Amino acid sequence: MKIKFSLIIAGLFLILLMAPAVISAQTWCHTFNVNLKKGDQSQEVTELQTALMKEGLLNIVQPTGYFWTLTFNAVVAFQEKYASEILAPWGLTYGTGNVSTKTREKLNQLYGCSTTTSTCTPNWQCTGFSTCSNSQQTRTCTDYNFCGTTSGKPVTTQSCTSTSTSTCNTNWQCTSWSSCYNGQQTKTCTDYNFCSTTTDKPETTRSCTNSCSTDWQCADWSACVNGQQTKTCTDHNFCGTTTDKPATTQSCCNYNWSCGSWSVCADSQQTRTCTDSSNCGTIAGKPVTTQSCCVPDWGCSGWNTCSSNGNQTRICTDSNFCGTTEGKPITSQRCTCVENWQCGGWSVCTGGQQTRTCWDNNNCITQIDKPSIRQECTSTCSPNWVCDAWLACGYNHQQQRMCTDTKACFVPSSKVESRYCTPE
């Protein structure tokens, strides 16, 4: 019983240790209500970067609050990751990098603090009912706003009575009204039963007032020329008005950043100071002032044997794998080759001379200490000649035989003897 009680206490203690990490991982949320673009600097950008980092799309150490290239590319990746919800409703394939309505809706769906449901309004479009079969007709209805809900979805099955008459019942399906432009709105209506008549066709044009909410998206500011910058802004809701249109011209200053040298690497970080000599009072275009770094830890093997050309080498490796040669010790140096001679035995004494072969085990190209390979000698060998039988007497009255010194006192150790003879 005591053992079980101890296990229960240990389990509760482990849960208490783990609980803060779980809670902290779920505490962050943010409701995105502001459109963002490249060049912005704000707390909203910081929150955006936090969400993109949680998506695994923005690889930075911590949010900076600056909407520059890395953040822009991460927004594009986010839009393309959820393309069916963000891009498809606009007929787009590739991300724009601007955070507007659909992008904010998805961000709020994933990370918003509000517990209310999405404000997405379905746009149901249906095909015509099928031919009556077994007293049933069916059709397919699709939400072209891709809200992910069945709210307001028209019926897709109905009862029917088979008839042999050829009466055609129109089935008008209409798109949503367009944005209000010059006091007019339009929509397109299609009879999906294709009755070739306009009977009961809904109106496709109506008067309106501009209650459209503009959705301005702007390009980056141009380069600063003569103290002025311009940019192009487009209303993605096509409201046909310039209401709330952002400024497209502004005064500017040609910043001129210059940076000092990077500091010594400490705790895997380096810093430097960058100053704008034009004193524009902005951080636009400011180079990075903090970067990760690595301090090599070099270790070397011993020097190898001095080669015949007077060089020796060693291998040096960075155990921190920094990918740099900074501070790497030398791996090659000049050296003096030390001769290491060895010789074979002396040959047989011949003609008062003996020879031997000598070689340098270190293969040095010098022969300063090479031993003598030749010396005078006195032979003490007594030859023992053994001769063959005499050959037949030749026409020149000479006959010969071959004699061999079995002790090999001389080189060569064989000789030919001749003598006078009388042919038979």
Protein backbone atom coordinates (compact mmCIF):
# COMPACT_ATOMS: atom_id res chain seq x y z
CA MET A 1 0.00 0.00 0.00
CA LYS A 2 2.85 2.38 0.82
CA ILE A 3 4.46 1.65 -2.58
CA LYS A 4 1.24 2.51 -4.47
CA PHE A 5 0.84 5.74 -2.49
CA SER A 6 4.46 6.73 -3.32
CA LEU A 7 3.87 6.09 -7.04
CA ILE A 8 0.75 8.27 -6.97
CA ILE A 9 2.67 11.13 -5.30
CA ALA A 10 5.52 10.83 -7.84
CA GLY A 11 3.03 10.87 -10.73
CA LEU A 12 1.32 14.02 -9.41
CA PHE A 13 4.72 15.68 -8.97
CA LEU A 14 5.64 14.87 -12.58
CA ILE A 15 2.34 16.32 -13.83
CA LEU A 16 3.00 19.54 -11.87
CA LEU A 17 6.45 19.79 -13.44
CA MET A 18 5.06 19.36 -16.94
CA ALA A 19 2.00 21.58 -16.54
CA PRO A 20 3.75 25.01 -16.83
CA ALA A 21 5.32 24.00 -20.14
CA VAL A 22 1.94 22.91 -21.53
CA ILE A 23 0.19 26.06 -20.36
CA SER A 24 2.93 28.37 -21.65
CA ALA A 25 2.79 26.68 -25.05
CA GLN A 26 -0.92 27.57 -25.31
CA THR A 27 -1.08 31.06 -23.73
CA TRP A 28 -0.10 33.13 -26.79
CA CYS A 29 -2.88 34.36 -29.05
CA HIS A 30 -3.52 37.46 -31.12
CA THR A 31 -6.44 38.75 -33.15
CA PHE A 32 -5.21 40.25 -36.44
CA ASN A 33 -7.27 43.33 -37.40
CA VAL A 34 -4.67 45.34 -39.36
CA ASN A 35 -3.45 44.77 -42.92
CA LEU A 36 0.34 44.49 -43.15
CA LYS A 37 2.87 44.82 -45.95
CA LYS A 38 6.61 44.81 -46.60
CA GLY A 39 8.31 47.80 -45.01
CA ASP A 40 5.97 48.03 -41.99
CA GLN A 41 7.38 48.26 -38.49
CA SER A 42 5.01 47.71 -35.57
CA GLN A 43 3.88 45.43 -32.75
CA GLU A 44 1.44 43.90 -35.26
CA VAL A 45 4.45 42.76 -37.33
CA THR A 46 5.92 41.19 -34.16
CA GLU A 47 2.69 39.23 -33.62
CA LEU A 48 2.66 38.19 -37.28
CA GLN A 49 6.25 36.93 -37.01
CA THR A 50 5.31 34.95 -33.88
CA ALA A 51 2.52 33.18 -35.79
CA LEU A 52 4.79 32.49 -38.79
CA MET A 53 7.47 31.05 -36.47
CA LYS A 54 4.85 28.74 -34.90
CA GLU A 55 3.94 27.62 -38.45
CA GLY A 56 7.63 26.72 -38.98
CA LEU A 57 7.82 29.15 -41.93
CA LEU A 58 10.01 31.93 -40.42
CA ASN A 59 13.45 30.89 -39.21
CA ILE A 60 14.66 33.77 -36.99
CA VAL A 61 15.89 33.81 -33.38
CA GLN A 62 13.05 36.04 -32.15
CA PRO A 63 10.48 38.48 -33.63
CA THR A 64 11.96 41.83 -34.70
CA GLY A 65 8.87 43.88 -35.57
CA TYR A 66 10.32 44.66 -39.03
CA PHE A 67 8.45 43.42 -42.13
CA TRP A 68 11.34 42.75 -44.54
CA THR A 69 12.35 40.04 -47.00
CA LEU A 70 12.36 37.02 -44.62
CA THR A 71 8.92 37.93 -43.25
CA PHE A 72 7.58 38.65 -46.76
CA ASN A 73 8.75 35.22 -48.00
CA ALA A 74 7.22 33.53 -44.93
CA VAL A 75 3.84 35.24 -45.61
CA VAL A 76 3.96 33.98 -49.22
CA ALA A 77 4.64 30.44 -47.94
CA PHE A 78 1.74 30.76 -45.42
CA GLN A 79 -0.67 31.89 -48.16
CA GLU A 80 0.35 29.03 -50.45
CA LYS A 81 0.14 26.53 -47.56
CA TYR A 82 -3.55 27.48 -47.11
CA ALA A 83 -4.14 28.36 -50.76
CA SER A 84 -7.70 26.93 -50.90
CA GLU A 85 -8.81 29.36 -48.17
CA ILE A 86 -6.63 32.42 -48.92
CA LEU A 87 -5.78 32.44 -52.64
CA ALA A 88 -8.50 30.41 -54.39
CA PRO A 89 -11.36 32.84 -53.51
CA TRP A 90 -9.42 35.56 -55.41
CA GLY A 91 -8.52 33.26 -58.29
CA LEU A 92 -4.83 33.40 -57.30
CA THR A 93 -2.22 30.64 -57.43
CA TYR A 94 0.81 32.28 -55.84
CA GLY A 95 1.05 34.22 -52.58
CA THR A 96 1.21 38.04 -52.70
CA GLY A 97 3.17 38.58 -49.46
CA ASN A 98 0.59 41.17 -48.29
CA VAL A 99 -1.46 40.42 -45.16
CA SER A 100 -5.07 41.38 -45.97
CA THR A 101 -8.61 40.04 -45.44
CA LYS A 102 -8.33 36.32 -46.26
CA THR A 103 -4.82 36.01 -44.77
CA ARG A 104 -6.01 37.65 -41.53
CA GLU A 105 -9.06 35.38 -41.42
CA LYS A 106 -6.83 32.30 -41.54
CA LEU A 107 -4.40 33.75 -38.96
CA ASN A 108 -7.33 34.49 -36.63
CA GLN A 109 -8.76 31.01 -37.20
CA LEU A 110 -5.43 29.49 -36.10
CA TYR A 111 -4.21 31.98 -33.47
CA GLY A 112 -6.98 34.52 -32.81
CA CYS A 113 -7.95 35.25 -29.21
CA SER A 114 -11.68 35.57 -29.99
CA THR A 115 -13.88 32.52 -29.42
CA THR A 116 -16.44 33.67 -32.00
CA THR A 117 -16.85 31.77 -35.25
CA SER A 118 -15.49 32.92 -38.61
CA THR A 119 -17.26 35.82 -40.39
CA CYS A 120 -16.98 33.99 -43.71
CA THR A 121 -20.30 34.14 -45.65
CA PRO A 122 -20.95 31.08 -47.84
CA ASN A 123 -21.69 31.64 -51.54
CA TRP A 124 -23.69 28.55 -52.52
CA GLN A 125 -24.00 27.70 -56.23
CA CYS A 126 -26.08 24.65 -57.27
CA THR A 127 -26.49 22.57 -60.40
CA GLY A 128 -29.98 21.78 -61.72
CA PHE A 129 -31.96 18.92 -60.21
CA SER A 130 -31.45 15.57 -61.88
CA THR A 131 -34.18 13.71 -63.77
CA CYS A 132 -36.90 12.35 -61.49
CA SER A 133 -36.02 8.79 -60.51
CA ASN A 134 -37.85 6.73 -57.89
CA SER A 135 -39.72 9.90 -56.93
CA GLN A 136 -36.41 11.64 -56.06
CA GLN A 137 -34.28 14.38 -57.64
CA THR A 138 -30.77 15.44 -56.56
CA ARG A 139 -28.32 18.24 -57.29
CA THR A 140 -24.83 19.36 -56.20
CA CYS A 141 -24.29 22.63 -54.29
CA THR A 142 -20.82 24.19 -53.79
CA ASP A 143 -19.74 27.08 -51.54
CA TYR A 144 -17.41 29.18 -53.71
CA ASN A 145 -16.26 31.14 -50.64
CA PHE A 146 -14.95 27.87 -49.16
CA CYS A 147 -16.13 28.75 -45.63
CA GLY A 148 -15.97 25.12 -44.50
CA THR A 149 -19.54 25.10 -43.19
CA THR A 150 -22.95 23.83 -44.35
CA SER A 151 -24.74 26.90 -42.96
CA GLY A 152 -27.36 28.10 -45.46
CA LYS A 153 -26.70 25.24 -47.86
CA PRO A 154 -29.69 24.73 -50.21
CA VAL A 155 -31.46 21.36 -50.24
CA THR A 156 -29.82 18.85 -52.55
CA THR A 157 -32.64 16.25 -52.59
CA GLN A 158 -36.35 16.70 -53.26
CA SER A 159 -39.40 14.57 -53.97
CA CYS A 160 -40.80 14.58 -57.50
CA THR A 161 -43.45 13.00 -59.71
CA SER A 162 -42.42 11.42 -63.01
CA THR A 163 -44.27 12.87 -66.00
CA SER A 164 -44.13 12.24 -69.68
CA THR A 165 -44.76 15.90 -70.55
CA SER A 166 -41.94 18.05 -71.92
CA THR A 167 -42.54 21.06 -69.63
CA CYS A 168 -39.15 22.63 -68.64
CA ASN A 169 -38.91 24.25 -65.20
CA THR A 170 -36.15 26.87 -65.05
CA ASN A 171 -33.52 26.58 -62.29
CA TRP A 172 -31.85 29.98 -61.99
CA GLN A 173 -28.61 30.14 -60.00
CA CYS A 174 -26.92 33.54 -59.55
CA THR A 175 -23.52 34.77 -58.45
CA SER A 176 -23.19 37.34 -55.67
CA TRP A 177 -23.71 41.02 -56.50
CA SER A 178 -20.54 42.73 -57.71
CA SER A 179 -18.98 45.64 -55.84
CA CYS A 180 -20.78 48.96 -56.26
CA TYR A 181 -19.19 50.90 -59.13
CA ASN A 182 -20.57 54.14 -60.57
CA GLY A 183 -23.87 53.52 -58.73
CA GLN A 184 -24.42 50.07 -60.28
CA GLN A 185 -24.07 46.44 -59.22
CA THR A 186 -24.32 43.39 -61.45
CA LYS A 187 -24.51 39.63 -61.12
CA THR A 188 -24.67 36.67 -63.50
CA CYS A 189 -27.65 34.27 -63.47
CA THR A 190 -27.64 30.86 -65.22
CA ASP A 191 -30.52 28.44 -65.79
CA TYR A 192 -28.99 25.06 -64.94
CA ASN A 193 -32.03 23.30 -66.48
CA PHE A 194 -31.17 25.06 -69.78
CA CYS A 195 -34.82 25.73 -70.71
CA SER A 196 -33.79 28.37 -73.30
CA THR A 197 -36.12 30.98 -71.76
CA THR A 198 -35.76 34.02 -69.51
CA THR A 199 -38.96 33.26 -67.64
CA ASP A 200 -38.58 34.01 -63.93
CA LYS A 201 -34.95 35.12 -64.46
CA PRO A 202 -33.83 37.27 -61.50
CA GLU A 203 -32.68 40.84 -62.11
CA THR A 204 -28.98 41.10 -62.95
CA THR A 205 -28.50 44.89 -62.56
CA ARG A 206 -29.44 47.22 -59.73
CA SER A 207 -28.65 50.67 -58.40
CA CYS A 208 -26.45 50.96 -55.34
CA THR A 209 -24.52 53.31 -53.12
CA ASN A 210 -20.86 52.77 -52.35
CA SER A 211 -21.03 50.92 -49.01
CA CYS A 212 -18.12 48.75 -50.15
CA SER A 213 -15.23 48.38 -47.71
CA THR A 214 -12.01 49.14 -49.52
CA ASP A 215 -9.07 46.76 -49.17
CA TRP A 216 -6.02 48.75 -50.23
CA GLN A 217 -2.84 46.80 -50.98
CA CYS A 218 0.30 48.79 -51.78
CA ALA A 219 3.62 48.00 -53.41
CA ASP A 220 6.92 48.95 -51.78
CA TRP A 221 8.07 52.55 -51.83
CA SER A 222 10.27 53.40 -54.79
CA ALA A 223 13.89 54.50 -54.41
CA CYS A 224 14.34 57.98 -52.96
CA VAL A 225 14.78 60.45 -55.85
CA ASN A 226 15.09 64.20 -55.26
CA GLY A 227 13.66 63.78 -51.75
CA GLN A 228 10.51 61.96 -52.96
CA GLN A 229 9.24 58.36 -52.99
CA THR A 230 6.17 56.89 -54.71
CA LYS A 231 4.23 53.63 -54.54
CA THR A 232 1.21 52.06 -56.25
CA CYS A 233 -1.89 51.14 -54.22
CA THR A 234 -4.75 48.92 -55.48
CA ASP A 235 -8.15 48.28 -53.89
CA HIS A 236 -8.57 44.50 -53.96
CA ASN A 237 -12.31 44.93 -53.29
CA PHE A 238 -12.62 47.14 -56.41
CA CYS A 239 -14.99 49.59 -54.71
CA GLY A 240 -14.42 52.24 -57.39
CA THR A 241 -13.52 54.94 -54.85
CA THR A 242 -10.37 56.51 -53.45
CA THR A 243 -11.78 56.60 -49.90
CA ASP A 244 -9.14 55.68 -47.32
CA LYS A 245 -6.56 55.24 -50.09
CA PRO A 246 -3.08 55.37 -48.51
CA ALA A 247 -0.68 58.13 -49.51
CA THR A 248 1.24 57.25 -52.67
CA THR A 249 3.84 60.03 -52.37
CA GLN A 250 6.06 60.92 -49.44
CA SER A 251 9.17 62.86 -48.63
CA CYS A 252 12.21 60.74 -48.06
CA CYS A 253 15.85 60.80 -47.10
CA ASN A 254 18.69 58.91 -48.81
CA TYR A 255 20.06 56.98 -45.86
CA ASN A 256 23.75 56.08 -45.97
CA TRP A 257 24.58 53.29 -43.53
CA SER A 258 28.15 52.45 -42.57
CA CYS A 259 29.06 49.71 -40.10
CA GLY A 260 32.00 48.96 -37.84
CA SER A 261 33.75 45.62 -37.55
CA TRP A 262 32.05 42.64 -35.92
CA SER A 263 32.86 42.15 -32.26
CA VAL A 264 34.65 39.08 -30.89
CA CYS A 265 32.40 36.03 -30.85
CA ALA A 266 30.85 35.59 -27.37
CA ASP A 267 28.12 33.13 -26.48
CA SER A 268 27.83 32.29 -30.20
CA GLN A 269 26.89 35.95 -30.98
CA GLN A 270 28.64 38.90 -32.64
CA THR A 271 27.50 42.52 -32.76
CA ARG A 272 28.49 45.66 -34.62
CA THR A 273 27.41 49.30 -34.72
CA CYS A 274 25.85 50.79 -37.88
CA THR A 275 25.38 54.55 -38.33
CA ASP A 276 23.42 56.53 -40.93
CA SER A 277 25.66 59.41 -41.95
CA SER A 278 22.60 61.13 -43.51
CA ASN A 279 20.80 61.13 -40.11
CA CYS A 280 17.47 60.25 -41.76
CA GLY A 281 15.98 59.21 -38.42
CA THR A 282 14.83 55.84 -39.76
CA ILE A 283 16.01 52.25 -39.55
CA ALA A 284 14.97 51.53 -43.14
CA GLY A 285 17.73 49.67 -44.96
CA LYS A 286 19.77 49.33 -41.79
CA PRO A 287 22.16 46.33 -42.03
CA VAL A 288 21.91 43.60 -39.42
CA THR A 289 23.85 44.37 -36.25
CA THR A 290 23.68 40.92 -34.63
CA GLN A 291 24.63 37.56 -36.08
CA SER A 292 25.38 34.05 -34.94
CA CYS A 293 29.04 33.03 -34.91
CA CYS A 294 31.28 30.08 -34.18
CA VAL A 295 34.73 29.87 -32.53
CA PRO A 296 36.94 27.18 -34.13
CA ASP A 297 38.64 24.68 -31.81
CA TRP A 298 41.67 23.43 -33.76
CA GLY A 299 43.47 20.19 -32.93
CA CYS A 300 46.44 18.86 -34.94
CA SER A 301 48.16 15.52 -35.41
CA GLY A 302 51.96 15.16 -35.11
CA TRP A 303 54.24 16.08 -38.03
CA ASN A 304 54.89 13.18 -40.39
CA THR A 305 58.38 12.08 -41.52
CA CYS A 306 60.35 14.65 -43.52
CA SER A 307 59.92 13.84 -47.23
CA SER A 308 62.74 13.63 -49.78
CA ASN A 309 61.89 17.14 -51.07
CA GLY A 310 62.34 18.67 -47.59
CA ASN A 311 58.66 19.03 -46.59
CA GLN A 312 56.56 17.55 -43.80
CA THR A 313 52.81 17.82 -43.19
CA ARG A 314 50.18 17.28 -40.49
CA ILE A 315 46.34 17.26 -40.28
CA CYS A 316 44.45 19.95 -38.29
CA THR A 317 40.69 19.60 -37.57
CA ASP A 318 38.14 22.01 -36.05
CA SER A 319 36.14 20.04 -33.46
CA ASN A 320 33.42 22.76 -33.56
CA PHE A 321 32.96 22.35 -37.35
CA CYS A 322 32.63 26.10 -37.92
CA GLY A 323 33.26 25.77 -41.65
CA THR A 324 36.08 28.35 -41.67
CA THR A 325 39.87 28.31 -41.80
CA GLU A 326 40.16 31.28 -39.43
CA GLY A 327 42.99 30.68 -36.93
CA LYS A 328 43.89 27.32 -38.50
CA PRO A 329 47.50 26.29 -37.65
CA ILE A 330 49.97 25.63 -40.49
CA THR A 331 49.81 22.12 -41.91
CA SER A 332 53.04 22.14 -44.00
CA GLN A 333 56.60 23.20 -43.22
CA ARG A 334 60.15 22.88 -44.51
CA CYS A 335 62.36 20.28 -42.83
CA THR A 336 65.79 18.61 -43.07
CA CYS A 337 65.79 15.03 -44.34
CA VAL A 338 68.05 12.79 -42.16
CA GLU A 339 69.74 10.05 -44.17
CA ASN A 340 69.29 6.51 -42.84
CA TRP A 341 71.66 4.23 -44.77
CA GLN A 342 71.65 0.44 -44.75
CA CYS A 343 74.03 -1.80 -46.76
CA GLY A 344 74.17 -5.39 -47.96
CA GLY A 345 77.18 -7.71 -47.53
CA TRP A 346 80.49 -7.36 -49.47
CA SER A 347 80.84 -9.37 -52.66
CA VAL A 348 83.56 -12.03 -53.23
CA CYS A 349 87.01 -10.48 -53.62
CA THR A 350 87.70 -10.28 -57.36
CA GLY A 351 90.70 -8.62 -58.90
CA GLY A 352 91.55 -7.11 -55.54
CA GLN A 353 88.13 -5.40 -55.27
CA GLN A 354 84.91 -5.98 -53.35
CA THR A 355 81.50 -4.17 -53.81
CA ARG A 356 78.21 -3.91 -51.93
CA THR A 357 74.81 -2.17 -52.33
CA CYS A 358 73.65 0.62 -49.94
CA TRP A 359 70.25 2.37 -49.73
CA ASP A 360 68.68 5.28 -47.74
CA ASN A 361 65.56 4.17 -45.87
CA ASN A 362 64.39 7.82 -45.64
CA ASN A 363 64.78 8.33 -49.40
CA CYS A 364 66.55 11.66 -48.95
CA ILE A 365 67.82 13.15 -52.17
CA THR A 366 71.22 13.82 -50.55
CA GLN A 367 74.11 11.32 -50.23
CA ILE A 368 76.18 13.18 -47.66
CA ASP A 369 76.52 10.21 -45.27
CA LYS A 370 76.37 7.41 -47.83
CA PRO A 371 78.80 4.56 -46.89
CA SER A 372 81.48 3.32 -49.28
CA ILE A 373 80.24 0.70 -51.76
CA ARG A 374 83.72 -0.40 -53.00
CA GLN A 375 86.95 -1.52 -51.26
CA GLU A 376 90.26 -3.21 -51.98
CA CYS A 377 90.76 -6.80 -50.84
CA THR A 378 93.21 -9.76 -50.89
CA SER A 379 91.83 -13.12 -52.00
CA THR A 380 92.65 -16.09 -49.70
CA CYS A 381 90.65 -18.57 -51.72
CA SER A 382 92.48 -21.62 -53.18
CA PRO A 383 90.73 -22.66 -56.39
CA ASN A 384 89.75 -26.30 -57.00
CA TRP A 385 89.63 -26.80 -60.76
CA VAL A 386 87.57 -29.69 -62.08
CA CYS A 387 87.92 -30.27 -65.83
CA ASP A 388 85.84 -32.11 -68.44
CA ALA A 389 87.36 -34.64 -70.86
CA TRP A 390 89.38 -33.30 -73.81
CA LEU A 391 87.44 -32.84 -76.99
CA ALA A 392 88.52 -34.55 -80.25
CA CYS A 393 91.62 -33.17 -81.97
CA GLY A 394 90.64 -30.59 -84.52
CA TYR A 395 92.00 -29.91 -88.03
CA ASN A 396 94.18 -27.15 -86.56
CA HIS A 397 95.88 -29.66 -84.24
CA GLN A 398 94.10 -28.20 -81.20
CA GLN A 399 91.82 -29.79 -78.66
CA GLN A 400 89.97 -28.10 -75.73
CA ARG A 401 88.23 -28.82 -72.44
CA MET A 402 86.15 -26.83 -69.91
CA CYS A 403 87.42 -26.40 -66.31
CA THR A 404 85.35 -25.10 -63.37
CA ASP A 405 86.56 -23.81 -59.97
CA THR A 406 84.24 -25.54 -57.53
CA LYS A 407 85.21 -22.98 -54.83
CA ALA A 408 84.36 -20.03 -57.15
CA CYS A 409 87.39 -18.09 -56.00
CA PHE A 410 87.32 -15.93 -59.13
CA VAL A 411 84.76 -14.43 -61.45
CA PRO A 412 84.20 -16.01 -63.84
CA SER A 413 84.70 -19.34 -62.11
CA SER A 414 85.06 -21.30 -65.40
CA LYS A 415 87.78 -21.33 -68.03
CA VAL A 416 88.66 -23.13 -71.28
CA GLU A 417 92.04 -24.95 -71.62
CA SER A 418 93.67 -25.80 -75.01
CA ARG A 419 96.55 -28.05 -76.09
CA TYR A 420 98.34 -29.25 -79.24
CA CYS A 421 97.32 -32.66 -80.60
CA THR A 422 97.79 -34.98 -83.61
CA PRO A 423 94.67 -36.00 -85.48
CA GLU A 424 94.22 -39.73 -85.86
